[in-house]
N, C-alpha and C. Protein backbone atom coordinates (compact mmCIF):
# COMPACT_ATOMS: atom_id res chain seq x y z
N MET A 1 -22.34 7.37 11.00
CA MET A 1 -21.52 7.91 9.95
C MET A 1 -21.57 6.97 8.74
N SER A 2 -21.16 7.50 7.62
CA SER A 2 -21.20 6.71 6.40
C SER A 2 -19.89 5.97 6.16
N CYS A 3 -20.00 4.84 5.48
CA CYS A 3 -18.86 4.02 5.11
C CYS A 3 -18.80 3.93 3.60
N PHE A 4 -17.60 3.86 3.06
CA PHE A 4 -17.44 3.66 1.64
C PHE A 4 -16.08 3.02 1.39
N SER A 5 -15.83 2.64 0.14
CA SER A 5 -14.56 2.01 -0.20
C SER A 5 -13.91 2.72 -1.37
N LEU A 6 -12.60 2.64 -1.40
CA LEU A 6 -11.79 3.10 -2.51
C LEU A 6 -11.15 1.85 -3.10
N ARG A 7 -11.14 1.75 -4.41
CA ARG A 7 -10.45 0.63 -5.02
C ARG A 7 -9.83 1.06 -6.32
N GLY A 8 -8.76 0.39 -6.67
CA GLY A 8 -8.06 0.76 -7.89
C GLY A 8 -6.93 -0.19 -8.20
N LYS A 9 -6.08 0.23 -9.15
CA LYS A 9 -4.95 -0.57 -9.60
C LYS A 9 -3.65 0.19 -9.37
N TYR A 10 -2.61 -0.58 -9.13
CA TYR A 10 -1.28 -0.06 -8.89
C TYR A 10 -0.34 -0.88 -9.76
N SER A 11 0.43 -0.26 -10.64
CA SER A 11 1.33 -0.98 -11.54
C SER A 11 2.78 -0.72 -11.18
N PHE A 12 3.56 -1.78 -11.15
CA PHE A 12 5.01 -1.66 -10.99
C PHE A 12 5.65 -2.99 -11.36
N ALA A 13 6.95 -2.96 -11.60
CA ALA A 13 7.68 -4.15 -12.04
C ALA A 13 8.08 -5.02 -10.86
N ASP A 14 8.12 -6.32 -11.09
CA ASP A 14 8.69 -7.23 -10.09
C ASP A 14 10.11 -6.75 -9.78
N ASN A 15 10.56 -6.99 -8.57
CA ASN A 15 11.92 -6.64 -8.14
C ASN A 15 12.18 -5.14 -8.21
N SER A 16 11.19 -4.35 -7.84
CA SER A 16 11.38 -2.90 -7.86
C SER A 16 10.58 -2.24 -6.75
N ASN A 17 10.87 -0.95 -6.57
CA ASN A 17 10.11 -0.10 -5.66
C ASN A 17 9.13 0.68 -6.51
N GLY A 18 7.85 0.53 -6.25
CA GLY A 18 6.86 1.30 -6.99
C GLY A 18 6.82 2.74 -6.51
N ALA A 19 6.33 3.60 -7.36
CA ALA A 19 6.18 5.01 -6.97
C ALA A 19 4.93 5.14 -6.09
N GLY A 20 4.98 6.00 -5.10
CA GLY A 20 3.81 6.24 -4.27
C GLY A 20 2.70 6.87 -5.09
N VAL A 21 1.47 6.47 -4.83
CA VAL A 21 0.31 6.99 -5.56
C VAL A 21 -0.67 7.59 -4.56
N ARG A 22 -1.07 8.84 -4.79
CA ARG A 22 -2.10 9.46 -3.95
C ARG A 22 -3.44 8.95 -4.45
N ILE A 23 -4.22 8.32 -3.57
CA ILE A 23 -5.51 7.77 -3.98
C ILE A 23 -6.69 8.53 -3.38
N PHE A 24 -6.41 9.48 -2.48
CA PHE A 24 -7.47 10.26 -1.87
C PHE A 24 -6.87 11.60 -1.46
N ASP A 25 -7.58 12.69 -1.74
CA ASP A 25 -7.12 14.02 -1.35
C ASP A 25 -8.34 14.87 -1.02
N TYR A 26 -8.50 15.19 0.24
CA TYR A 26 -9.64 16.00 0.69
C TYR A 26 -9.22 17.46 0.68
N VAL A 27 -9.83 18.23 -0.21
CA VAL A 27 -9.53 19.65 -0.34
C VAL A 27 -10.82 20.42 -0.08
N SER A 28 -10.91 21.01 1.10
CA SER A 28 -12.11 21.74 1.49
C SER A 28 -11.79 22.63 2.68
N PRO A 29 -12.45 23.76 2.78
CA PRO A 29 -12.26 24.58 3.99
C PRO A 29 -12.97 23.98 5.21
N ASP A 30 -13.86 23.01 5.01
CA ASP A 30 -14.56 22.36 6.12
C ASP A 30 -13.61 21.38 6.79
N ARG A 31 -13.10 21.73 7.95
CA ARG A 31 -12.12 20.89 8.66
C ARG A 31 -12.79 19.94 9.64
N ARG A 32 -14.11 19.76 9.55
CA ARG A 32 -14.82 18.90 10.50
C ARG A 32 -15.03 17.48 9.98
N ARG A 33 -14.57 17.19 8.78
CA ARG A 33 -14.72 15.84 8.21
C ARG A 33 -13.39 15.11 8.25
N ALA A 34 -13.45 13.81 8.55
CA ALA A 34 -12.26 12.97 8.57
C ALA A 34 -12.69 11.53 8.28
N TRP A 35 -11.71 10.67 8.04
CA TRP A 35 -12.00 9.28 7.71
C TRP A 35 -11.03 8.37 8.44
N LYS A 36 -11.56 7.24 8.85
CA LYS A 36 -10.76 6.21 9.49
C LYS A 36 -10.77 5.00 8.57
N VAL A 37 -9.58 4.47 8.27
CA VAL A 37 -9.49 3.24 7.47
C VAL A 37 -9.83 2.08 8.39
N THR A 38 -10.85 1.33 8.03
CA THR A 38 -11.27 0.21 8.87
C THR A 38 -10.69 -1.12 8.40
N ARG A 39 -10.51 -1.28 7.09
CA ARG A 39 -9.89 -2.49 6.53
C ARG A 39 -9.27 -2.14 5.20
N ALA A 40 -8.26 -2.90 4.81
CA ALA A 40 -7.63 -2.69 3.51
C ALA A 40 -7.03 -4.00 3.02
N PHE A 41 -7.04 -4.19 1.71
CA PHE A 41 -6.54 -5.41 1.08
C PHE A 41 -5.78 -5.07 -0.20
N PHE A 42 -4.88 -5.95 -0.62
CA PHE A 42 -4.27 -5.85 -1.94
C PHE A 42 -4.01 -7.25 -2.48
N TRP A 43 -3.92 -7.37 -3.82
CA TRP A 43 -3.79 -8.67 -4.48
C TRP A 43 -3.27 -8.46 -5.90
N PRO A 44 -2.69 -9.52 -6.50
CA PRO A 44 -2.21 -9.40 -7.87
C PRO A 44 -3.38 -9.48 -8.85
N ILE A 45 -3.38 -8.58 -9.83
CA ILE A 45 -4.34 -8.66 -10.94
C ILE A 45 -3.68 -9.40 -12.10
N THR A 46 -2.46 -8.98 -12.43
CA THR A 46 -1.72 -9.60 -13.53
C THR A 46 -0.96 -10.80 -12.96
N VAL A 47 -1.61 -11.95 -12.97
CA VAL A 47 -0.95 -13.14 -12.43
C VAL A 47 -0.10 -13.85 -13.49
N ARG A 48 -0.36 -13.52 -14.76
CA ARG A 48 0.42 -14.14 -15.83
C ARG A 48 1.31 -13.08 -16.48
N ALA A 49 2.62 -13.29 -16.40
CA ALA A 49 3.60 -12.43 -17.04
C ALA A 49 4.87 -13.24 -17.22
N SER A 50 5.54 -13.04 -18.33
CA SER A 50 6.71 -13.86 -18.67
C SER A 50 7.82 -13.71 -17.64
N LEU A 51 8.36 -14.84 -17.22
CA LEU A 51 9.51 -14.85 -16.32
C LEU A 51 10.81 -14.98 -17.10
N GLY A 52 10.73 -14.96 -18.43
CA GLY A 52 11.93 -14.92 -19.26
C GLY A 52 12.78 -16.17 -19.23
N GLY A 53 12.15 -17.32 -19.08
CA GLY A 53 12.92 -18.56 -19.09
C GLY A 53 13.63 -18.84 -17.78
N GLY A 54 13.24 -18.13 -16.74
CA GLY A 54 13.83 -18.40 -15.42
C GLY A 54 13.28 -19.70 -14.85
N SER A 55 13.37 -19.85 -13.59
CA SER A 55 12.85 -21.06 -12.96
C SER A 55 11.84 -20.68 -11.89
N ASP A 56 11.16 -21.69 -11.36
CA ASP A 56 10.22 -21.44 -10.27
C ASP A 56 10.95 -20.75 -9.12
N THR A 57 10.25 -19.82 -8.50
CA THR A 57 10.87 -19.04 -7.45
C THR A 57 9.82 -18.55 -6.47
N ARG A 58 10.25 -18.02 -5.35
CA ARG A 58 9.36 -17.40 -4.37
C ARG A 58 9.52 -15.90 -4.46
N GLY A 59 8.50 -15.19 -4.00
CA GLY A 59 8.59 -13.74 -4.01
C GLY A 59 7.71 -13.15 -2.93
N VAL A 60 7.94 -11.87 -2.66
CA VAL A 60 7.17 -11.15 -1.66
C VAL A 60 6.88 -9.75 -2.18
N VAL A 61 5.67 -9.27 -1.90
CA VAL A 61 5.27 -7.91 -2.24
C VAL A 61 4.86 -7.24 -0.94
N GLU A 62 5.42 -6.06 -0.70
CA GLU A 62 5.13 -5.30 0.50
C GLU A 62 4.33 -4.07 0.13
N CYS A 63 3.44 -3.66 1.03
CA CYS A 63 2.55 -2.54 0.75
C CYS A 63 2.44 -1.68 2.00
N ALA A 64 2.35 -0.37 1.79
CA ALA A 64 2.14 0.55 2.92
C ALA A 64 1.09 1.58 2.54
N LEU A 65 0.27 1.95 3.51
CA LEU A 65 -0.65 3.09 3.39
C LEU A 65 -0.02 4.24 4.14
N MET A 66 -0.10 5.44 3.55
CA MET A 66 0.57 6.60 4.14
C MET A 66 -0.34 7.82 4.08
N THR A 67 -0.12 8.75 5.00
CA THR A 67 -0.89 9.99 5.02
C THR A 67 -0.18 11.12 4.29
N ASP A 68 1.05 10.88 3.84
CA ASP A 68 1.83 11.88 3.13
C ASP A 68 2.82 11.12 2.25
N PHE A 69 3.17 11.68 1.10
CA PHE A 69 4.08 11.02 0.19
C PHE A 69 5.50 11.07 0.72
N LYS A 70 6.22 9.98 0.54
CA LYS A 70 7.63 9.92 0.95
C LYS A 70 8.44 9.33 -0.18
N LYS A 71 9.46 10.06 -0.62
CA LYS A 71 10.40 9.51 -1.59
C LYS A 71 11.35 8.57 -0.86
N GLY A 72 11.92 7.64 -1.59
CA GLY A 72 12.92 6.77 -1.00
C GLY A 72 12.37 5.55 -0.30
N ILE A 73 11.11 5.19 -0.58
CA ILE A 73 10.58 3.95 -0.02
C ILE A 73 11.32 2.79 -0.67
N GLU A 74 11.83 1.89 0.14
CA GLU A 74 12.56 0.73 -0.35
C GLU A 74 12.15 -0.50 0.43
N TRP A 75 12.65 -1.65 -0.01
CA TRP A 75 12.29 -2.91 0.63
C TRP A 75 12.57 -2.88 2.12
N ASN A 76 13.68 -2.28 2.52
CA ASN A 76 14.06 -2.33 3.93
C ASN A 76 13.34 -1.33 4.83
N ASN A 77 12.55 -0.40 4.25
CA ASN A 77 11.89 0.55 5.13
C ASN A 77 10.39 0.70 4.88
N ILE A 78 9.84 0.00 3.92
CA ILE A 78 8.41 0.15 3.63
C ILE A 78 7.53 -0.32 4.79
N LEU A 79 8.00 -1.27 5.56
CA LEU A 79 7.22 -1.81 6.68
C LEU A 79 7.64 -1.23 8.03
N ASP A 80 8.41 -0.15 8.02
CA ASP A 80 8.92 0.46 9.24
C ASP A 80 7.80 1.20 9.99
N PRO A 81 7.40 0.74 11.18
CA PRO A 81 6.32 1.39 11.91
C PRO A 81 6.73 2.70 12.57
N THR A 82 8.02 3.03 12.58
CA THR A 82 8.44 4.30 13.17
C THR A 82 8.31 5.46 12.20
N GLU A 83 8.01 5.20 10.94
CA GLU A 83 7.77 6.27 9.96
C GLU A 83 6.39 6.83 10.24
N ASN A 84 6.31 8.10 10.70
CA ASN A 84 5.03 8.64 11.16
C ASN A 84 4.01 8.84 10.05
N ARG A 85 4.41 8.82 8.79
CA ARG A 85 3.45 8.94 7.69
C ARG A 85 2.76 7.62 7.39
N SER A 86 3.38 6.51 7.76
CA SER A 86 2.81 5.18 7.51
C SER A 86 1.81 4.82 8.59
N PHE A 87 0.73 4.18 8.19
CA PHE A 87 -0.24 3.71 9.18
C PHE A 87 -0.85 2.37 8.82
N GLY A 88 -0.43 1.79 7.70
CA GLY A 88 -0.93 0.47 7.30
C GLY A 88 0.18 -0.29 6.60
N TRP A 89 0.30 -1.60 6.91
CA TRP A 89 1.38 -2.41 6.37
C TRP A 89 0.85 -3.79 6.00
N GLY A 90 1.28 -4.26 4.84
CA GLY A 90 0.84 -5.59 4.40
C GLY A 90 1.91 -6.29 3.61
N VAL A 91 1.86 -7.63 3.64
CA VAL A 91 2.81 -8.46 2.91
C VAL A 91 2.03 -9.55 2.19
N TRP A 92 2.30 -9.69 0.89
CA TRP A 92 1.76 -10.78 0.08
C TRP A 92 2.94 -11.62 -0.34
N ASN A 93 2.85 -12.93 -0.14
CA ASN A 93 3.94 -13.76 -0.63
C ASN A 93 3.39 -14.98 -1.33
N GLY A 94 4.20 -15.48 -2.25
CA GLY A 94 3.75 -16.62 -3.03
C GLY A 94 4.83 -17.12 -3.96
N TYR A 95 4.39 -17.83 -4.99
CA TYR A 95 5.29 -18.48 -5.93
C TYR A 95 5.21 -17.82 -7.29
N TRP A 96 6.37 -17.61 -7.88
CA TRP A 96 6.48 -17.19 -9.28
C TRP A 96 6.78 -18.48 -10.03
N ARG A 97 5.83 -18.97 -10.81
CA ARG A 97 5.94 -20.29 -11.44
C ARG A 97 6.22 -20.18 -12.93
N GLU A 98 7.16 -20.99 -13.38
CA GLU A 98 7.42 -21.06 -14.81
C GLU A 98 6.73 -22.31 -15.33
N ASN A 99 5.92 -22.11 -16.37
CA ASN A 99 5.13 -23.19 -16.93
C ASN A 99 5.41 -23.25 -18.43
N ALA A 100 5.28 -24.42 -19.03
CA ALA A 100 5.57 -24.58 -20.46
C ALA A 100 4.68 -23.68 -21.32
N SER A 101 3.43 -23.47 -20.94
CA SER A 101 2.53 -22.67 -21.77
C SER A 101 2.40 -21.22 -21.30
N SER A 102 2.55 -20.96 -20.02
CA SER A 102 2.48 -19.58 -19.53
C SER A 102 3.03 -19.51 -18.11
N ASP A 103 3.73 -18.42 -17.82
CA ASP A 103 4.25 -18.19 -16.47
C ASP A 103 3.17 -17.51 -15.63
N PHE A 104 3.19 -17.73 -14.32
CA PHE A 104 2.16 -17.14 -13.47
C PHE A 104 2.65 -17.05 -12.04
N ILE A 105 1.92 -16.27 -11.23
CA ILE A 105 2.19 -16.22 -9.80
C ILE A 105 0.94 -16.69 -9.06
N VAL A 106 1.15 -17.24 -7.89
CA VAL A 106 0.04 -17.70 -7.06
C VAL A 106 0.40 -17.42 -5.60
N GLY A 107 -0.56 -16.88 -4.85
CA GLY A 107 -0.32 -16.50 -3.47
C GLY A 107 -0.50 -17.63 -2.49
N ASP A 108 0.15 -17.51 -1.35
CA ASP A 108 0.05 -18.50 -0.29
C ASP A 108 -1.32 -18.49 0.40
N THR A 109 -1.97 -17.31 0.45
CA THR A 109 -3.21 -17.20 1.22
C THR A 109 -4.35 -16.69 0.36
N HIS A 110 -4.88 -17.53 -0.49
CA HIS A 110 -6.03 -17.22 -1.32
C HIS A 110 -5.82 -16.00 -2.23
N GLY A 111 -4.58 -15.58 -2.41
CA GLY A 111 -4.28 -14.50 -3.33
C GLY A 111 -4.47 -13.09 -2.80
N MET A 112 -5.15 -12.92 -1.67
CA MET A 112 -5.39 -11.58 -1.13
C MET A 112 -4.60 -11.40 0.16
N ALA A 113 -4.10 -10.19 0.36
CA ALA A 113 -3.39 -9.89 1.60
C ALA A 113 -4.13 -8.77 2.32
N GLU A 114 -4.35 -8.96 3.61
CA GLU A 114 -4.97 -7.89 4.40
C GLU A 114 -3.88 -6.99 4.96
N ILE A 115 -4.15 -5.71 4.99
CA ILE A 115 -3.21 -4.72 5.49
C ILE A 115 -3.54 -4.44 6.96
N LEU A 116 -2.52 -4.53 7.81
CA LEU A 116 -2.66 -4.18 9.22
C LEU A 116 -2.77 -2.66 9.32
N VAL A 117 -3.84 -2.16 9.91
CA VAL A 117 -4.10 -0.71 9.96
C VAL A 117 -4.01 -0.22 11.40
N ASP A 118 -3.24 0.86 11.60
CA ASP A 118 -3.15 1.51 12.90
C ASP A 118 -4.51 2.18 13.18
N PRO A 119 -5.23 1.75 14.22
CA PRO A 119 -6.56 2.30 14.48
C PRO A 119 -6.55 3.73 15.01
N ASP A 120 -5.36 4.25 15.32
CA ASP A 120 -5.24 5.59 15.88
C ASP A 120 -5.01 6.66 14.80
N THR A 121 -5.03 6.26 13.54
CA THR A 121 -4.78 7.22 12.46
C THR A 121 -6.10 7.67 11.86
N ILE A 122 -6.22 8.98 11.67
CA ILE A 122 -7.41 9.57 11.05
C ILE A 122 -6.95 10.33 9.81
N ILE A 123 -7.60 10.09 8.69
CA ILE A 123 -7.27 10.76 7.44
C ILE A 123 -8.03 12.09 7.39
N THR A 124 -7.29 13.19 7.32
CA THR A 124 -7.92 14.50 7.22
C THR A 124 -7.56 15.20 5.91
N LYS A 125 -6.57 14.68 5.20
CA LYS A 125 -6.14 15.33 3.96
C LYS A 125 -5.88 14.31 2.85
N GLU A 126 -4.79 13.55 2.95
CA GLU A 126 -4.37 12.66 1.86
C GLU A 126 -4.22 11.22 2.32
N LEU A 127 -4.37 10.32 1.34
CA LEU A 127 -4.13 8.89 1.54
C LEU A 127 -3.32 8.40 0.35
N HIS A 128 -2.16 7.80 0.63
CA HIS A 128 -1.26 7.29 -0.40
C HIS A 128 -1.07 5.79 -0.22
N ILE A 129 -0.72 5.12 -1.32
CA ILE A 129 -0.36 3.71 -1.27
C ILE A 129 0.96 3.55 -2.00
N VAL A 130 1.81 2.66 -1.49
CA VAL A 130 3.09 2.36 -2.13
C VAL A 130 3.36 0.87 -1.96
N MET A 131 3.99 0.27 -2.99
CA MET A 131 4.32 -1.15 -2.96
C MET A 131 5.72 -1.37 -3.50
N CYS A 132 6.34 -2.47 -3.11
CA CYS A 132 7.59 -2.92 -3.69
C CYS A 132 7.61 -4.43 -3.64
N SER A 133 8.48 -5.03 -4.45
CA SER A 133 8.54 -6.48 -4.47
C SER A 133 9.96 -6.96 -4.66
N THR A 134 10.18 -8.19 -4.28
CA THR A 134 11.45 -8.85 -4.51
C THR A 134 11.18 -10.33 -4.75
N THR A 135 11.93 -10.90 -5.68
CA THR A 135 11.83 -12.33 -5.96
C THR A 135 13.24 -12.91 -6.05
N GLU A 136 13.30 -14.23 -6.13
CA GLU A 136 14.59 -14.89 -6.32
C GLU A 136 15.01 -14.86 -7.79
N ASN A 137 14.14 -14.38 -8.65
CA ASN A 137 14.38 -14.31 -10.09
C ASN A 137 14.80 -12.89 -10.44
N ASP A 138 15.63 -12.72 -11.46
CA ASP A 138 16.05 -11.36 -11.82
C ASP A 138 15.24 -10.78 -12.98
N VAL A 139 14.21 -11.48 -13.45
CA VAL A 139 13.33 -10.98 -14.50
C VAL A 139 12.26 -10.12 -13.83
N SER A 140 11.90 -9.00 -14.47
CA SER A 140 11.01 -8.05 -13.82
C SER A 140 9.88 -7.56 -14.71
N PRO A 141 8.91 -8.44 -15.01
CA PRO A 141 7.77 -7.94 -15.79
C PRO A 141 6.92 -6.98 -14.95
N THR A 142 6.25 -6.06 -15.61
CA THR A 142 5.35 -5.14 -14.92
C THR A 142 4.03 -5.85 -14.66
N ARG A 143 3.53 -5.71 -13.45
CA ARG A 143 2.26 -6.32 -13.06
C ARG A 143 1.33 -5.25 -12.50
N GLU A 144 0.04 -5.53 -12.57
CA GLU A 144 -0.95 -4.68 -11.91
C GLU A 144 -1.39 -5.37 -10.63
N TRP A 145 -1.53 -4.57 -9.59
CA TRP A 145 -2.01 -5.04 -8.29
C TRP A 145 -3.27 -4.26 -7.95
N GLY A 146 -4.26 -4.95 -7.44
CA GLY A 146 -5.49 -4.31 -7.03
C GLY A 146 -5.45 -3.97 -5.55
N TYR A 147 -6.23 -2.98 -5.18
CA TYR A 147 -6.37 -2.66 -3.76
C TYR A 147 -7.82 -2.23 -3.49
N MET A 148 -8.25 -2.45 -2.28
CA MET A 148 -9.54 -1.97 -1.81
C MET A 148 -9.35 -1.51 -0.37
N ILE A 149 -9.81 -0.29 -0.11
CA ILE A 149 -9.67 0.30 1.22
C ILE A 149 -11.04 0.73 1.70
N GLU A 150 -11.45 0.24 2.86
CA GLU A 150 -12.72 0.60 3.45
C GLU A 150 -12.50 1.76 4.42
N LEU A 151 -13.33 2.80 4.28
CA LEU A 151 -13.22 3.98 5.14
C LEU A 151 -14.54 4.26 5.83
N GLU A 152 -14.44 4.83 7.00
CA GLU A 152 -15.61 5.27 7.76
C GLU A 152 -15.47 6.76 8.00
N GLU A 153 -16.47 7.52 7.58
CA GLU A 153 -16.44 8.96 7.79
C GLU A 153 -16.74 9.27 9.25
N MET A 154 -16.08 10.31 9.76
CA MET A 154 -16.31 10.71 11.14
C MET A 154 -16.24 12.23 11.25
N LYS A 155 -16.80 12.75 12.30
CA LYS A 155 -16.75 14.19 12.58
C LYS A 155 -15.62 14.47 13.56
N VAL A 156 -14.88 15.54 13.30
CA VAL A 156 -13.82 15.97 14.20
C VAL A 156 -13.92 17.48 14.35
N THR A 157 -13.26 18.01 15.36
CA THR A 157 -13.21 19.46 15.50
C THR A 157 -12.13 19.98 14.56
N PRO A 158 -12.19 21.24 14.18
CA PRO A 158 -11.14 21.79 13.31
C PRO A 158 -9.73 21.63 13.92
N SER A 159 -9.60 21.79 15.23
CA SER A 159 -8.27 21.63 15.84
C SER A 159 -7.81 20.17 15.79
N GLU A 160 -8.72 19.20 15.99
CA GLU A 160 -8.35 17.79 15.85
C GLU A 160 -7.91 17.48 14.43
N SER A 161 -8.60 18.07 13.46
CA SER A 161 -8.26 17.86 12.06
C SER A 161 -6.86 18.35 11.74
N VAL A 162 -6.54 19.56 12.18
CA VAL A 162 -5.21 20.12 11.93
C VAL A 162 -4.15 19.29 12.65
N PHE A 163 -4.42 18.89 13.89
CA PHE A 163 -3.47 18.06 14.63
C PHE A 163 -3.19 16.76 13.89
N GLN A 164 -4.24 16.07 13.42
CA GLN A 164 -4.05 14.81 12.70
C GLN A 164 -3.28 15.02 11.40
N GLN A 165 -3.54 16.13 10.71
CA GLN A 165 -2.82 16.40 9.47
C GLN A 165 -1.33 16.63 9.75
N ILE A 166 -1.01 17.39 10.77
CA ILE A 166 0.40 17.62 11.12
C ILE A 166 1.05 16.33 11.58
N LYS A 167 0.34 15.55 12.39
CA LYS A 167 0.86 14.27 12.88
C LYS A 167 1.24 13.34 11.73
N GLY A 168 0.47 13.37 10.65
CA GLY A 168 0.71 12.47 9.53
C GLY A 168 1.59 13.01 8.43
N MET A 169 2.17 14.19 8.64
CA MET A 169 3.05 14.76 7.62
C MET A 169 4.49 14.33 7.86
N GLY A 170 5.28 14.44 6.80
CA GLY A 170 6.68 14.07 6.89
C GLY A 170 7.43 14.99 7.83
N GLN A 171 7.89 14.43 8.92
CA GLN A 171 8.69 15.20 9.86
C GLN A 171 9.62 14.21 10.57
N LYS A 172 10.78 14.63 10.86
CA LYS A 172 11.74 13.75 11.51
C LYS A 172 11.46 13.78 13.01
N VAL A 173 11.00 12.65 13.53
CA VAL A 173 10.64 12.59 14.94
C VAL A 173 11.57 11.69 15.73
N ILE A 174 12.44 10.94 15.04
CA ILE A 174 13.35 10.03 15.73
C ILE A 174 14.78 10.39 15.35
N PRO A 175 15.64 10.70 16.30
CA PRO A 175 17.03 11.04 15.96
C PRO A 175 17.77 9.83 15.42
N GLU A 176 18.73 10.10 14.55
CA GLU A 176 19.53 8.99 14.00
C GLU A 176 20.82 8.82 14.74
């Protein structure tokens, strides 16, 4: 099967919940094609942005890959593995530094974060990405974050395709 990657930018403000972005949408009557995410990464593109005279601080950015869009993603539920639409989770953490000439952020692990991917998820329709961040600072400049997602194409039966699509759609499967 063939492999390819998706890459792009995601913009949102520090100390906020970003809006979910659909980055892949397969629209075809051919239900025999599907994709498995083999690896995924995200990292800050805009490392320099004004912290507004604040002080050095720590921060964390959380990321999720989803098979269906969900409103209400927040810091406390973006990494929740019981959400059946989510299948990939990642955390980037580092320092928000205030410098005399320019403010910047720097990550703890070479600036890139790998996303943990559930190997049992198959993409048959949509792929979404969502991020949120929190810092010890109350200043919230907008930053761009990059992502790269590696996919492997695979063949499935039409019934497997429909099953995977239903499995990854928003449905309440856990009682409250």
